[in-house]
Full PDB file with SEQRES, HELIX, SHEET, SSBOND, CRYST1, ORIGX, SCALE, CONECT and MASTER records, all heavy atoms in Angstrom:
SEQRES   1 A   43  ALA GLN LEU TYR GLY ASN VAL GLU LYS PRO ILE GLY LEU          
SEQRES   2 A   43  SER ASP TYR ILE GLY LYS ASP ASP TYR GLN VAL ALA THR          
SEQRES   3 A   43  ILE ILE HIS PRO THR GLY ILE PRO ARG MET ARG VAL ILE          
SEQRES   4 A   43  PRO PHE GLY SER                                              
HELIX    1 AA1 LEU A   13  LYS A   19  1                                   7    
HELIX    2 AA2 VAL A   24  ILE A   27  5                                   4    
SHEET    1 AA1 2 HIS A  29  PRO A  30  0                                        
SHEET    2 AA1 2 ARG A  37  VAL A  38 -1                                        
CRYST1    1.000    1.000    1.000  90.00  90.00  90.00 P 1           1          
ORIGX1      1.000000  0.000000  0.000000        0.00000                         
ORIGX2      0.000000  1.000000  0.000000        0.00000                         
ORIGX3      0.000000  0.000000  1.000000        0.00000                         
SCALE1      1.000000  0.000000  0.000000        0.00000                         
SCALE2      0.000000  1.000000  0.000000        0.00000                         
SCALE3      0.000000  0.000000  1.000000        0.00000                         
ATOM      1  N   ALA A   1     -16.095 -39.464 -38.464  1.00  0.00           N  
ATOM      2  CA  ALA A   1     -16.272 -40.175 -39.728  1.00  0.00           C  
ATOM      3  C   ALA A   1     -17.494 -41.088 -39.702  1.00  0.00           C  
ATOM      4  O   ALA A   1     -17.849 -41.618 -38.642  1.00  0.00           O  
ATOM      5  CB  ALA A   1     -15.025 -40.992 -40.057  1.00  0.00           C  
ATOM      6  N   GLN A   2     -18.133 -41.256 -40.853  1.00  0.00           N  
ATOM      7  CA  GLN A   2     -19.289 -42.161 -40.990  1.00  0.00           C  
ATOM      8  C   GLN A   2     -18.982 -43.141 -42.102  1.00  0.00           C  
ATOM      9  O   GLN A   2     -19.667 -43.195 -43.137  1.00  0.00           O  
ATOM     10  CB  GLN A   2     -20.554 -41.333 -41.326  1.00  0.00           C  
ATOM     11  CG  GLN A   2     -20.957 -40.352 -40.246  1.00  0.00           C  
ATOM     12  CD  GLN A   2     -21.508 -41.072 -39.020  1.00  0.00           C  
ATOM     13  OE1 GLN A   2     -22.196 -42.100 -39.146  1.00  0.00           O  
ATOM     14  NE2 GLN A   2     -21.274 -40.540 -37.851  1.00  0.00           N  
ATOM     15  N   LEU A   3     -17.976 -43.967 -41.874  1.00  0.00           N  
ATOM     16  CA  LEU A   3     -17.529 -44.905 -42.925  1.00  0.00           C  
ATOM     17  C   LEU A   3     -18.475 -46.062 -43.115  1.00  0.00           C  
ATOM     18  O   LEU A   3     -18.371 -46.806 -44.088  1.00  0.00           O  
ATOM     19  CB  LEU A   3     -16.135 -45.423 -42.575  1.00  0.00           C  
ATOM     20  CG  LEU A   3     -15.021 -44.369 -42.467  1.00  0.00           C  
ATOM     21  CD1 LEU A   3     -13.749 -45.023 -41.970  1.00  0.00           C  
ATOM     22  CD2 LEU A   3     -14.796 -43.702 -43.808  1.00  0.00           C  
ATOM     23  N   TYR A   4     -19.375 -46.262 -42.183  1.00  0.00           N  
ATOM     24  CA  TYR A   4     -20.233 -47.449 -42.167  1.00  0.00           C  
ATOM     25  C   TYR A   4     -21.589 -47.202 -42.739  1.00  0.00           C  
ATOM     26  O   TYR A   4     -22.553 -47.929 -42.471  1.00  0.00           O  
ATOM     27  CB  TYR A   4     -20.329 -47.987 -40.731  1.00  0.00           C  
ATOM     28  CG  TYR A   4     -20.115 -46.918 -39.686  1.00  0.00           C  
ATOM     29  CD1 TYR A   4     -21.122 -45.998 -39.377  1.00  0.00           C  
ATOM     30  CD2 TYR A   4     -18.874 -46.771 -39.095  1.00  0.00           C  
ATOM     31  CE1 TYR A   4     -20.893 -45.002 -38.443  1.00  0.00           C  
ATOM     32  CE2 TYR A   4     -18.638 -45.764 -38.163  1.00  0.00           C  
ATOM     33  CZ  TYR A   4     -19.646 -44.880 -37.852  1.00  0.00           C  
ATOM     34  OH  TYR A   4     -19.422 -43.881 -36.959  1.00  0.00           O  
ATOM     35  N   GLY A   5     -21.766 -46.137 -43.517  1.00  0.00           N  
ATOM     36  CA  GLY A   5     -23.021 -45.891 -44.199  1.00  0.00           C  
ATOM     37  C   GLY A   5     -24.036 -45.172 -43.353  1.00  0.00           C  
ATOM     38  O   GLY A   5     -23.714 -44.236 -42.610  1.00  0.00           O  
ATOM     39  N   ASN A   6     -25.290 -45.604 -43.449  1.00  0.00           N  
ATOM     40  CA  ASN A   6     -26.404 -44.898 -42.818  1.00  0.00           C  
ATOM     41  C   ASN A   6     -26.700 -45.371 -41.403  1.00  0.00           C  
ATOM     42  O   ASN A   6     -27.717 -44.981 -40.814  1.00  0.00           O  
ATOM     43  CB  ASN A   6     -27.664 -45.030 -43.674  1.00  0.00           C  
ATOM     44  CG  ASN A   6     -27.491 -44.378 -45.038  1.00  0.00           C  
ATOM     45  OD1 ASN A   6     -26.865 -43.333 -45.141  1.00  0.00           O  
ATOM     46  ND2 ASN A   6     -28.032 -45.025 -46.069  1.00  0.00           N  
ATOM     47  N   VAL A   7     -25.846 -46.243 -40.835  1.00  0.00           N  
ATOM     48  CA  VAL A   7     -26.057 -46.691 -39.463  1.00  0.00           C  
ATOM     49  C   VAL A   7     -25.798 -45.518 -38.531  1.00  0.00           C  
ATOM     50  O   VAL A   7     -24.696 -44.968 -38.483  1.00  0.00           O  
ATOM     51  CB  VAL A   7     -25.128 -47.863 -39.108  1.00  0.00           C  
ATOM     52  CG1 VAL A   7     -25.388 -48.360 -37.699  1.00  0.00           C  
ATOM     53  CG2 VAL A   7     -25.316 -49.007 -40.111  1.00  0.00           C  
ATOM     54  N   GLU A   8     -26.830 -45.120 -37.766  1.00  0.00           N  
ATOM     55  CA  GLU A   8     -26.691 -43.906 -36.956  1.00  0.00           C  
ATOM     56  C   GLU A   8     -25.773 -44.077 -35.775  1.00  0.00           C  
ATOM     57  O   GLU A   8     -24.889 -43.255 -35.530  1.00  0.00           O  
ATOM     58  CB  GLU A   8     -28.103 -43.487 -36.470  1.00  0.00           C  
ATOM     59  CG  GLU A   8     -28.080 -42.117 -35.785  1.00  0.00           C  
ATOM     60  CD  GLU A   8     -29.461 -41.597 -35.521  1.00  0.00           C  
ATOM     61  OE1 GLU A   8     -30.405 -42.032 -36.217  1.00  0.00           O  
ATOM     62  OE2 GLU A   8     -29.613 -40.752 -34.616  1.00  0.00           O  
ATOM     63  N   LYS A   9     -25.925 -45.170 -35.033  1.00  0.00           N  
ATOM     64  CA  LYS A   9     -25.075 -45.433 -33.871  1.00  0.00           C  
ATOM     65  C   LYS A   9     -24.579 -46.879 -33.934  1.00  0.00           C  
ATOM     66  O   LYS A   9     -25.139 -47.762 -33.280  1.00  0.00           O  
ATOM     67  CB  LYS A   9     -25.826 -45.167 -32.564  1.00  0.00           C  
ATOM     68  CG  LYS A   9     -26.112 -43.707 -32.297  1.00  0.00           C  
ATOM     69  CD  LYS A   9     -26.743 -43.517 -30.911  1.00  0.00           C  
ATOM     70  CE  LYS A   9     -26.974 -42.040 -30.620  1.00  0.00           C  
ATOM     71  NZ  LYS A   9     -27.553 -41.849 -29.260  1.00  0.00           N  
ATOM     72  N   PRO A  10     -23.568 -47.130 -34.684  1.00  0.00           N  
ATOM     73  CA  PRO A  10     -23.089 -48.500 -34.848  1.00  0.00           C  
ATOM     74  C   PRO A  10     -22.440 -49.027 -33.563  1.00  0.00           C  
ATOM     75  O   PRO A  10     -21.828 -48.266 -32.805  1.00  0.00           O  
ATOM     76  CB  PRO A  10     -22.047 -48.385 -35.964  1.00  0.00           C  
ATOM     77  CG  PRO A  10     -21.528 -47.001 -35.822  1.00  0.00           C  
ATOM     78  CD  PRO A  10     -22.707 -46.169 -35.434  1.00  0.00           C  
ATOM     79  N   ILE A  11     -22.621 -50.293 -33.314  1.00  0.00           N  
ATOM     80  CA  ILE A  11     -21.956 -50.936 -32.175  1.00  0.00           C  
ATOM     81  C   ILE A  11     -20.475 -50.969 -32.473  1.00  0.00           C  
ATOM     82  O   ILE A  11     -20.044 -51.336 -33.556  1.00  0.00           O  
ATOM     83  CB  ILE A  11     -22.497 -52.365 -31.992  1.00  0.00           C  
ATOM     84  CG1 ILE A  11     -23.999 -52.349 -31.713  1.00  0.00           C  
ATOM     85  CG2 ILE A  11     -21.774 -53.084 -30.852  1.00  0.00           C  
ATOM     86  CD1 ILE A  11     -24.641 -53.683 -31.789  1.00  0.00           C  
ATOM     87  N   GLY A  12     -19.674 -50.566 -31.475  1.00  0.00           N  
ATOM     88  CA  GLY A  12     -18.254 -50.481 -31.714  1.00  0.00           C  
ATOM     89  C   GLY A  12     -17.388 -50.946 -30.549  1.00  0.00           C  
ATOM     90  O   GLY A  12     -17.855 -51.672 -29.664  1.00  0.00           O  
ATOM     91  N   LEU A  13     -16.170 -50.482 -30.550  1.00  0.00           N  
ATOM     92  CA  LEU A  13     -15.175 -50.916 -29.570  1.00  0.00           C  
ATOM     93  C   LEU A  13     -15.603 -50.608 -28.140  1.00  0.00           C  
ATOM     94  O   LEU A  13     -15.505 -51.459 -27.257  1.00  0.00           O  
ATOM     95  CB  LEU A  13     -13.832 -50.231 -29.888  1.00  0.00           C  
ATOM     96  CG  LEU A  13     -12.653 -50.564 -28.977  1.00  0.00           C  
ATOM     97  CD1 LEU A  13     -12.304 -52.042 -29.087  1.00  0.00           C  
ATOM     98  CD2 LEU A  13     -11.443 -49.698 -29.352  1.00  0.00           C  
ATOM     99  N   SER A  14     -16.069 -49.392 -27.886  1.00  0.00           N  
ATOM    100  CA  SER A  14     -16.428 -49.008 -26.539  1.00  0.00           C  
ATOM    101  C   SER A  14     -17.610 -49.833 -26.019  1.00  0.00           C  
ATOM    102  O   SER A  14     -17.683 -50.168 -24.817  1.00  0.00           O  
ATOM    103  CB  SER A  14     -16.771 -47.514 -26.454  1.00  0.00           C  
ATOM    104  OG  SER A  14     -17.866 -47.210 -27.295  1.00  0.00           O  
ATOM    105  N   ASP A  15     -18.565 -50.174 -26.908  1.00  0.00           N  
ATOM    106  CA  ASP A  15     -19.699 -50.994 -26.515  1.00  0.00           C  
ATOM    107  C   ASP A  15     -19.226 -52.400 -26.144  1.00  0.00           C  
ATOM    108  O   ASP A  15     -19.689 -52.989 -25.155  1.00  0.00           O  
ATOM    109  CB  ASP A  15     -20.705 -51.068 -27.667  1.00  0.00           C  
ATOM    110  CG  ASP A  15     -21.161 -49.700 -28.121  1.00  0.00           C  
ATOM    111  OD1 ASP A  15     -21.882 -49.043 -27.376  1.00  0.00           O  
ATOM    112  OD2 ASP A  15     -20.773 -49.309 -29.245  1.00  0.00           O  
ATOM    113  N   TYR A  16     -18.321 -52.935 -26.963  1.00  0.00           N  
ATOM    114  CA  TYR A  16     -17.792 -54.281 -26.715  1.00  0.00           C  
ATOM    115  C   TYR A  16     -17.066 -54.367 -25.380  1.00  0.00           C  
ATOM    116  O   TYR A  16     -17.238 -55.324 -24.620  1.00  0.00           O  
ATOM    117  CB  TYR A  16     -16.838 -54.659 -27.857  1.00  0.00           C  
ATOM    118  CG  TYR A  16     -16.118 -55.976 -27.669  1.00  0.00           C  
ATOM    119  CD1 TYR A  16     -16.752 -57.188 -27.920  1.00  0.00           C  
ATOM    120  CD2 TYR A  16     -14.806 -55.991 -27.224  1.00  0.00           C  
ATOM    121  CE1 TYR A  16     -16.084 -58.376 -27.736  1.00  0.00           C  
ATOM    122  CE2 TYR A  16     -14.134 -57.184 -27.019  1.00  0.00           C  
ATOM    123  CZ  TYR A  16     -14.773 -58.376 -27.290  1.00  0.00           C  
ATOM    124  OH  TYR A  16     -14.121 -59.560 -27.076  1.00  0.00           O  
ATOM    125  N   ILE A  17     -16.282 -53.354 -25.085  1.00  0.00           N  
ATOM    126  CA  ILE A  17     -15.496 -53.356 -23.845  1.00  0.00           C  
ATOM    127  C   ILE A  17     -16.357 -52.980 -22.635  1.00  0.00           C  
ATOM    128  O   ILE A  17     -16.262 -53.586 -21.565  1.00  0.00           O  
ATOM    129  CB  ILE A  17     -14.275 -52.405 -23.939  1.00  0.00           C  
ATOM    130  CG1 ILE A  17     -13.310 -52.942 -24.979  1.00  0.00           C  
ATOM    131  CG2 ILE A  17     -13.589 -52.227 -22.616  1.00  0.00           C  
ATOM    132  CD1 ILE A  17     -12.139 -52.018 -25.272  1.00  0.00           C  
ATOM    133  N   GLY A  18     -17.220 -51.977 -22.819  1.00  0.00           N  
ATOM    134  CA  GLY A  18     -17.975 -51.452 -21.669  1.00  0.00           C  
ATOM    135  C   GLY A  18     -19.163 -52.285 -21.256  1.00  0.00           C  
ATOM    136  O   GLY A  18     -19.508 -52.335 -20.076  1.00  0.00           O  
ATOM    137  N   LYS A  19     -19.822 -52.940 -22.215  1.00  0.00           N  
ATOM    138  CA  LYS A  19     -21.060 -53.641 -21.888  1.00  0.00           C  
ATOM    139  C   LYS A  19     -20.917 -55.156 -21.783  1.00  0.00           C  
ATOM    140  O   LYS A  19     -21.743 -55.823 -21.165  1.00  0.00           O  
ATOM    141  CB  LYS A  19     -22.123 -53.301 -22.964  1.00  0.00           C  
ATOM    142  CG  LYS A  19     -22.490 -51.824 -22.993  1.00  0.00           C  
ATOM    143  CD  LYS A  19     -23.539 -51.556 -24.062  1.00  0.00           C  
ATOM    144  CE  LYS A  19     -23.886 -50.083 -24.122  1.00  0.00           C  
ATOM    145  NZ  LYS A  19     -24.887 -49.807 -25.169  1.00  0.00           N  
ATOM    146  N   ASP A  20     -19.900 -55.694 -22.397  1.00  0.00           N  
ATOM    147  CA  ASP A  20     -19.634 -57.123 -22.336  1.00  0.00           C  
ATOM    148  C   ASP A  20     -20.801 -57.972 -22.830  1.00  0.00           C  
ATOM    149  O   ASP A  20     -21.084 -59.043 -22.340  1.00  0.00           O  
ATOM    150  CB  ASP A  20     -19.298 -57.514 -20.870  1.00  0.00           C  
ATOM    151  CG  ASP A  20     -18.595 -58.872 -20.798  1.00  0.00           C  
ATOM    152  OD1 ASP A  20     -17.995 -59.271 -21.792  1.00  0.00           O  
ATOM    153  OD2 ASP A  20     -18.648 -59.495 -19.736  1.00  0.00           O  
ATOM    154  N   ASP A  21     -21.534 -57.439 -23.818  1.00  0.00           N  
ATOM    155  CA  ASP A  21     -22.699 -58.143 -24.367  1.00  0.00           C  
ATOM    156  C   ASP A  21     -22.542 -58.542 -25.830  1.00  0.00           C  
ATOM    157  O   ASP A  21     -23.458 -59.121 -26.405  1.00  0.00           O  
ATOM    158  CB  ASP A  21     -23.960 -57.263 -24.258  1.00  0.00           C  
ATOM    159  CG  ASP A  21     -24.385 -57.041 -22.821  1.00  0.00           C  
ATOM    160  OD1 ASP A  21     -24.083 -57.911 -21.979  1.00  0.00           O  
ATOM    161  OD2 ASP A  21     -24.991 -55.988 -22.529  1.00  0.00           O  
ATOM    162  N   TYR A  22     -21.402 -58.243 -26.433  1.00  0.00           N  
ATOM    163  CA  TYR A  22     -21.241 -58.394 -27.856  1.00  0.00           C  
ATOM    164  C   TYR A  22     -20.100 -59.328 -28.219  1.00  0.00           C  
ATOM    165  O   TYR A  22     -19.128 -59.450 -27.487  1.00  0.00           O  
ATOM    166  CB  TYR A  22     -21.024 -57.032 -28.532  1.00  0.00           C  
ATOM    167  CG  TYR A  22     -22.117 -56.037 -28.255  1.00  0.00           C  
ATOM    168  CD1 TYR A  22     -21.933 -55.002 -27.347  1.00  0.00           C  
ATOM    169  CD2 TYR A  22     -23.346 -56.122 -28.922  1.00  0.00           C  
ATOM    170  CE1 TYR A  22     -22.934 -54.072 -27.072  1.00  0.00           C  
ATOM    171  CE2 TYR A  22     -24.365 -55.203 -28.655  1.00  0.00           C  
ATOM    172  CZ  TYR A  22     -24.138 -54.179 -27.740  1.00  0.00           C  
ATOM    173  OH  TYR A  22     -25.151 -53.282 -27.492  1.00  0.00           O  
ATOM    174  N   GLN A  23     -20.239 -59.920 -29.407  1.00  0.00           N  
ATOM    175  CA  GLN A  23     -19.140 -60.692 -29.993  1.00  0.00           C  
ATOM    176  C   GLN A  23     -18.354 -59.776 -30.917  1.00  0.00           C  
ATOM    177  O   GLN A  23     -18.858 -58.765 -31.412  1.00  0.00           O  
ATOM    178  CB  GLN A  23     -19.692 -61.885 -30.781  1.00  0.00           C  
ATOM    179  CG  GLN A  23     -20.499 -62.866 -29.948  1.00  0.00           C  
ATOM    180  CD  GLN A  23     -19.651 -63.551 -28.909  1.00  0.00           C  
ATOM    181  OE1 GLN A  23     -18.487 -63.923 -29.163  1.00  0.00           O  
ATOM    182  NE2 GLN A  23     -20.183 -63.715 -27.704  1.00  0.00           N  
ATOM    183  N   VAL A  24     -17.081 -60.138 -31.160  1.00  0.00           N  
ATOM    184  CA  VAL A  24     -16.239 -59.301 -32.014  1.00  0.00           C  
ATOM    185  C   VAL A  24     -16.866 -59.146 -33.406  1.00  0.00           C  
ATOM    186  O   VAL A  24     -16.802 -58.061 -34.001  1.00  0.00           O  
ATOM    187  CB  VAL A  24     -14.817 -59.888 -32.118  1.00  0.00           C  
ATOM    188  CG1 VAL A  24     -13.983 -59.116 -33.123  1.00  0.00           C  
ATOM    189  CG2 VAL A  24     -14.131 -59.843 -30.757  1.00  0.00           C  
ATOM    190  N   ALA A  25     -17.467 -60.209 -33.920  1.00  0.00           N  
ATOM    191  CA  ALA A  25     -18.057 -60.147 -35.265  1.00  0.00           C  
ATOM    192  C   ALA A  25     -19.107 -59.050 -35.370  1.00  0.00           C  
ATOM    193  O   ALA A  25     -19.295 -58.485 -36.474  1.00  0.00           O  
ATOM    194  CB  ALA A  25     -18.656 -61.500 -35.623  1.00  0.00           C  
ATOM    195  N   THR A  26     -19.784 -58.727 -34.286  1.00  0.00           N  
ATOM    196  CA  THR A  26     -20.844 -57.729 -34.336  1.00  0.00           C  
ATOM    197  C   THR A  26     -20.339 -56.294 -34.380  1.00  0.00           C  
ATOM    198  O   THR A  26     -21.102 -55.374 -34.671  1.00  0.00           O  
ATOM    199  CB  THR A  26     -21.793 -57.883 -33.140  1.00  0.00           C  
ATOM    200  OG1 THR A  26     -21.051 -57.636 -31.918  1.00  0.00           O  
ATOM    201  CG2 THR A  26     -22.388 -59.271 -33.085  1.00  0.00           C  
ATOM    202  N   ILE A  27     -19.056 -56.076 -34.098  1.00  0.00           N  
ATOM    203  CA  ILE A  27     -18.523 -54.713 -34.089  1.00  0.00           C  
ATOM    204  C   ILE A  27     -17.666 -54.416 -35.312  1.00  0.00           C  
ATOM    205  O   ILE A  27     -17.164 -53.305 -35.465  1.00  0.00           O  
ATOM    206  CB  ILE A  27     -17.728 -54.400 -32.801  1.00  0.00           C  
ATOM    207  CG1 ILE A  27     -16.481 -55.279 -32.719  1.00  0.00           C  
ATOM    208  CG2 ILE A  27     -18.608 -54.611 -31.577  1.00  0.00           C  
ATOM    209  CD1 ILE A  27     -15.566 -54.904 -31.538  1.00  0.00           C  
ATOM    210  N   ILE A  28     -17.474 -55.407 -36.200  1.00  0.00           N  
ATOM    211  CA  ILE A  28     -16.741 -55.203 -37.441  1.00  0.00           C  
ATOM    212  C   ILE A  28     -17.754 -54.860 -38.545  1.00  0.00           C  
ATOM    213  O   ILE A  28     -18.622 -55.683 -38.857  1.00  0.00           O  
ATOM    214  CB  ILE A  28     -15.911 -56.440 -37.831  1.00  0.00           C  
ATOM    215  CG1 ILE A  28     -14.902 -56.765 -36.748  1.00  0.00           C  
ATOM    216  CG2 ILE A  28     -15.212 -56.217 -39.171  1.00  0.00           C  
ATOM    217  CD1 ILE A  28     -14.074 -58.008 -37.037  1.00  0.00           C  
ATOM    218  N   HIS A  29     -17.629 -53.662 -39.084  1.00  0.00           N  
ATOM    219  CA  HIS A  29     -18.631 -53.194 -40.071  1.00  0.00           C  
ATOM    220  C   HIS A  29     -17.988 -52.986 -41.445  1.00  0.00           C  
ATOM    221  O   HIS A  29     -16.841 -52.536 -41.549  1.00  0.00           O  
ATOM    222  CB  HIS A  29     -19.213 -51.861 -39.602  1.00  0.00           C  
ATOM    223  CG  HIS A  29     -19.887 -51.924 -38.263  1.00  0.00           C  
ATOM    224  ND1 HIS A  29     -21.246 -52.233 -38.127  1.00  0.00           N  
ATOM    225  CD2 HIS A  29     -19.418 -51.758 -37.012  1.00  0.00           C  
ATOM    226  CE1 HIS A  29     -21.555 -52.217 -36.829  1.00  0.00           C  
ATOM    227  NE2 HIS A  29     -20.464 -51.933 -36.131  1.00  0.00           N  
ATOM    228  N   PRO A  30     -18.753 -53.276 -42.494  1.00  0.00           N  
ATOM    229  CA  PRO A  30     -18.276 -52.929 -43.847  1.00  0.00           C  
ATOM    230  C   PRO A  30     -18.282 -51.412 -44.019  1.00  0.00           C  
ATOM    231  O   PRO A  30     -19.031 -50.707 -43.334  1.00  0.00           O  
ATOM    232  CB  PRO A  30     -19.293 -53.607 -44.769  1.00  0.00           C  
ATOM    233  CG  PRO A  30     -20.536 -53.707 -43.952  1.00  0.00           C  
ATOM    234  CD  PRO A  30     -20.081 -53.912 -42.537  1.00  0.00           C  
ATOM    235  N   THR A  31     -17.462 -50.929 -44.906  1.00  0.00           N  
ATOM    236  CA  THR A  31     -17.456 -49.501 -45.220  1.00  0.00           C  
ATOM    237  C   THR A  31     -17.851 -49.314 -46.679  1.00  0.00           C  
ATOM    238  O   THR A  31     -18.030 -50.296 -47.417  1.00  0.00           O  
ATOM    239  CB  THR A  31     -16.039 -48.889 -44.996  1.00  0.00           C  
ATOM    240  OG1 THR A  31     -15.167 -49.381 -46.013  1.00  0.00           O  
ATOM    241  CG2 THR A  31     -15.505 -49.243 -43.618  1.00  0.00           C  
ATOM    242  N   GLY A  32     -17.938 -48.057 -47.101  1.00  0.00           N  
ATOM    243  CA  GLY A  32     -18.219 -47.792 -48.500  1.00  0.00           C  
ATOM    244  C   GLY A  32     -17.017 -47.904 -49.390  1.00  0.00           C  
ATOM    245  O   GLY A  32     -17.050 -47.548 -50.571  1.00  0.00           O  
ATOM    246  N   ILE A  33     -15.901 -48.422 -48.828  1.00  0.00           N  
ATOM    247  CA  ILE A  33     -14.671 -48.620 -49.569  1.00  0.00           C  
ATOM    248  C   ILE A  33     -14.436 -50.111 -49.701  1.00  0.00           C  
ATOM    249  O   ILE A  33     -14.300 -50.821 -48.680  1.00  0.00           O  
ATOM    250  CB  ILE A  33     -13.479 -47.951 -48.858  1.00  0.00           C  
ATOM    251  CG1 ILE A  33     -13.762 -46.449 -48.695  1.00  0.00           C  
ATOM    252  CG2 ILE A  33     -12.168 -48.202 -49.580  1.00  0.00           C  
ATOM    253  CD1 ILE A  33     -12.821 -45.762 -47.740  1.00  0.00           C  
ATOM    254  N   PRO A  34     -14.417 -50.644 -50.916  1.00  0.00           N  
ATOM    255  CA  PRO A  34     -14.233 -52.096 -51.087  1.00  0.00           C  
ATOM    256  C   PRO A  34     -12.996 -52.633 -50.366  1.00  0.00           C  
ATOM    257  O   PRO A  34     -11.953 -52.010 -50.360  1.00  0.00           O  
ATOM    258  CB  PRO A  34     -14.082 -52.246 -52.618  1.00  0.00           C  
ATOM    259  CG  PRO A  34     -14.832 -51.082 -53.170  1.00  0.00           C  
ATOM    260  CD  PRO A  34     -14.584 -49.968 -52.206  1.00  0.00           C  
ATOM    261  N   ARG A  35     -13.193 -53.784 -49.701  1.00  0.00           N  
ATOM    262  CA  ARG A  35     -12.138 -54.510 -48.990  1.00  0.00           C  
ATOM    263  C   ARG A  35     -11.668 -53.834 -47.700  1.00  0.00           C  
ATOM    264  O   ARG A  35     -10.729 -54.272 -47.076  1.00  0.00           O  
ATOM    265  CB  ARG A  35     -10.917 -54.773 -49.907  1.00  0.00           C  
ATOM    266  CG  ARG A  35     -11.224 -55.634 -51.104  1.00  0.00           C  
ATOM    267  CD  ARG A  35     -10.066 -55.727 -52.059  1.00  0.00           C  
ATOM    268  NE  ARG A  35      -9.716 -54.438 -52.637  1.00  0.00           N  
ATOM    269  CZ  ARG A  35     -10.350 -53.901 -53.671  1.00  0.00           C  
ATOM    270  NH1 ARG A  35     -11.339 -54.550 -54.252  1.00  0.00           N  
ATOM    271  NH2 ARG A  35      -9.977 -52.737 -54.145  1.00  0.00           N  
ATOM    272  N   MET A  36     -12.363 -52.770 -47.296  1.00  0.00           N  
ATOM    273  CA  MET A  36     -11.992 -52.094 -46.056  1.00  0.00           C  
ATOM    274  C   MET A  36     -13.119 -52.283 -45.014  1.00  0.00           C  
ATOM    275  O   MET A  36     -14.288 -52.095 -45.328  1.00  0.00           O  
ATOM    276  CB  MET A  36     -11.781 -50.597 -46.285  1.00  0.00           C  
ATOM    277  CG  MET A  36     -11.487 -49.804 -45.005  1.00  0.00           C  
ATOM    278  SD  MET A  36     -11.187 -48.058 -45.359  1.00  0.00           S  
ATOM    279  CE  MET A  36     -11.289 -47.340 -43.715  1.00  0.00           C  
ATOM    280  N   ARG A  37     -12.746 -52.692 -43.821  1.00  0.00           N  
ATOM    281  CA  ARG A  37     -13.670 -52.847 -42.718  1.00  0.00           C  
ATOM    282  C   ARG A  37     -13.264 -51.897 -41.586  1.00  0.00           C  
ATOM    283  O   ARG A  37     -12.134 -51.410 -41.534  1.00  0.00           O  
ATOM    284  CB  ARG A  37     -13.662 -54.303 -42.205  1.00  0.00           C  
ATOM    285  CG  ARG A  37     -14.151 -55.323 -43.229  1.00  0.00           C  
ATOM    286  CD  ARG A  37     -15.644 -55.136 -43.484  1.00  0.00           C  
ATOM    287  NE  ARG A  37     -16.199 -56.185 -44.316  1.00  0.00           N  
ATOM    288  CZ  ARG A  37     -16.413 -56.054 -45.616  1.00  0.00           C  
ATOM    289  NH1 ARG A  37     -16.063 -54.940 -46.240  1.00  0.00           N  
ATOM    290  NH2 ARG A  37     -16.977 -57.030 -46.311  1.00  0.00           N  
ATOM    291  N   VAL A  38     -14.214 -51.618 -40.695  1.00  0.00           N  
ATOM    292  CA  VAL A  38     -13.945 -50.691 -39.599  1.00  0.00           C  
ATOM    293  C   VAL A  38     -14.578 -51.189 -38.309  1.00  0.00           C  
ATOM    294  O   VAL A  38     -15.679 -51.760 -38.333  1.00  0.00           O  
ATOM    295  CB  VAL A  38     -14.453 -49.276 -39.924  1.00  0.00           C  
ATOM    296  CG1 VAL A  38     -15.964 -49.267 -40.128  1.00  0.00           C  
ATOM    297  CG2 VAL A  38     -14.055 -48.277 -38.824  1.00  0.00           C  
ATOM    298  N   ILE A  39     -13.862 -51.027 -37.215  1.00  0.00           N  
ATOM    299  CA  ILE A  39     -14.443 -51.170 -35.869  1.00  0.00           C  
ATOM    300  C   ILE A  39     -14.576 -49.751 -35.341  1.00  0.00           C  
ATOM    301  O   ILE A  39     -13.571 -49.152 -34.944  1.00  0.00           O  
ATOM    302  CB  ILE A  39     -13.574 -52.023 -34.940  1.00  0.00           C  
ATOM    303  CG1 ILE A  39     -13.475 -53.456 -35.467  1.00  0.00           C  
ATOM    304  CG2 ILE A  39     -14.131 -52.011 -33.515  1.00  0.00           C  
ATOM    305  CD1 ILE A  39     -12.617 -54.381 -34.584  1.00  0.00           C  
ATOM    306  N   PRO A  40     -15.770 -49.149 -35.393  1.00  0.00           N  
ATOM    307  CA  PRO A  40     -15.928 -47.768 -34.925  1.00  0.00           C  
ATOM    308  C   PRO A  40     -15.751 -47.705 -33.410  1.00  0.00           C  
ATOM    309  O   PRO A  40     -15.828 -48.736 -32.726  1.00  0.00           O  
ATOM    310  CB  PRO A  40     -17.350 -47.417 -35.346  1.00  0.00           C  
ATOM    311  CG  PRO A  40     -18.064 -48.728 -35.425  1.00  0.00           C  
ATOM    312  CD  PRO A  40     -17.038 -49.747 -35.854  1.00  0.00           C  
ATOM    313  N   PHE A  41     -15.549 -46.509 -32.926  1.00  0.00           N  
ATOM    314  CA  PHE A  41     -15.372 -46.382 -31.480  1.00  0.00           C  
ATOM    315  C   PHE A  41     -16.631 -46.800 -30.750  1.00  0.00           C  
ATOM    316  O   PHE A  41     -16.567 -47.392 -29.665  1.00  0.00           O  
ATOM    317  CB  PHE A  41     -14.999 -44.956 -31.072  1.00  0.00           C  
ATOM    318  CG  PHE A  41     -14.782 -44.806 -29.618  1.00  0.00           C  
ATOM    319  CD1 PHE A  41     -13.607 -45.261 -29.030  1.00  0.00           C  
ATOM    320  CD2 PHE A  41     -15.766 -44.265 -28.797  1.00  0.00           C  
ATOM    321  CE1 PHE A  41     -13.416 -45.175 -27.654  1.00  0.00           C  
ATOM    322  CE2 PHE A  41     -15.571 -44.167 -27.430  1.00  0.00           C  
ATOM    323  CZ  PHE A  41     -14.413 -44.618 -26.847  1.00  0.00           C  
ATOM    324  N   GLY A  42     -17.809 -46.511 -31.295  1.00  0.00           N  
ATOM    325  CA  GLY A  42     -19.050 -46.936 -30.657  1.00  0.00           C  
ATOM    326  C   GLY A  42     -19.726 -45.774 -29.932  1.00  0.00           C  
ATOM    327  O   GLY A  42     -19.267 -44.636 -29.896  1.00  0.00           O  
ATOM    328  N   SER A  43     -20.836 -46.131 -29.285  1.00  0.00           N  
ATOM    329  CA  SER A  43     -21.671 -45.112 -28.637  1.00  0.00           C  
ATOM    330  C   SER A  43     -21.569 -45.121 -27.131  1.00  0.00           C  
ATOM    331  O   SER A  43     -22.163 -44.291 -26.467  1.00  0.00           O  
ATOM    332  CB  SER A  43     -23.137 -45.333 -29.041  1.00  0.00           C  
ATOM    333  OG  SER A  43     -23.553 -46.640 -28.707  1.00  0.00           O  
TER     334      SER A  43                                                      
MASTER        0    0    0    2    2    0    0    6  333    1    0    4          
END                                                                             
């Protein structure tokens, strides 16, 4: 799924856990559906 628009490789859950370089706020993305947010699996 590409719920987060045109972002090719969005930062997600696996990046947050595997790299330890991100804040939670950076992995929560808006979607094209109002009031719905997504934390993608990541790259």
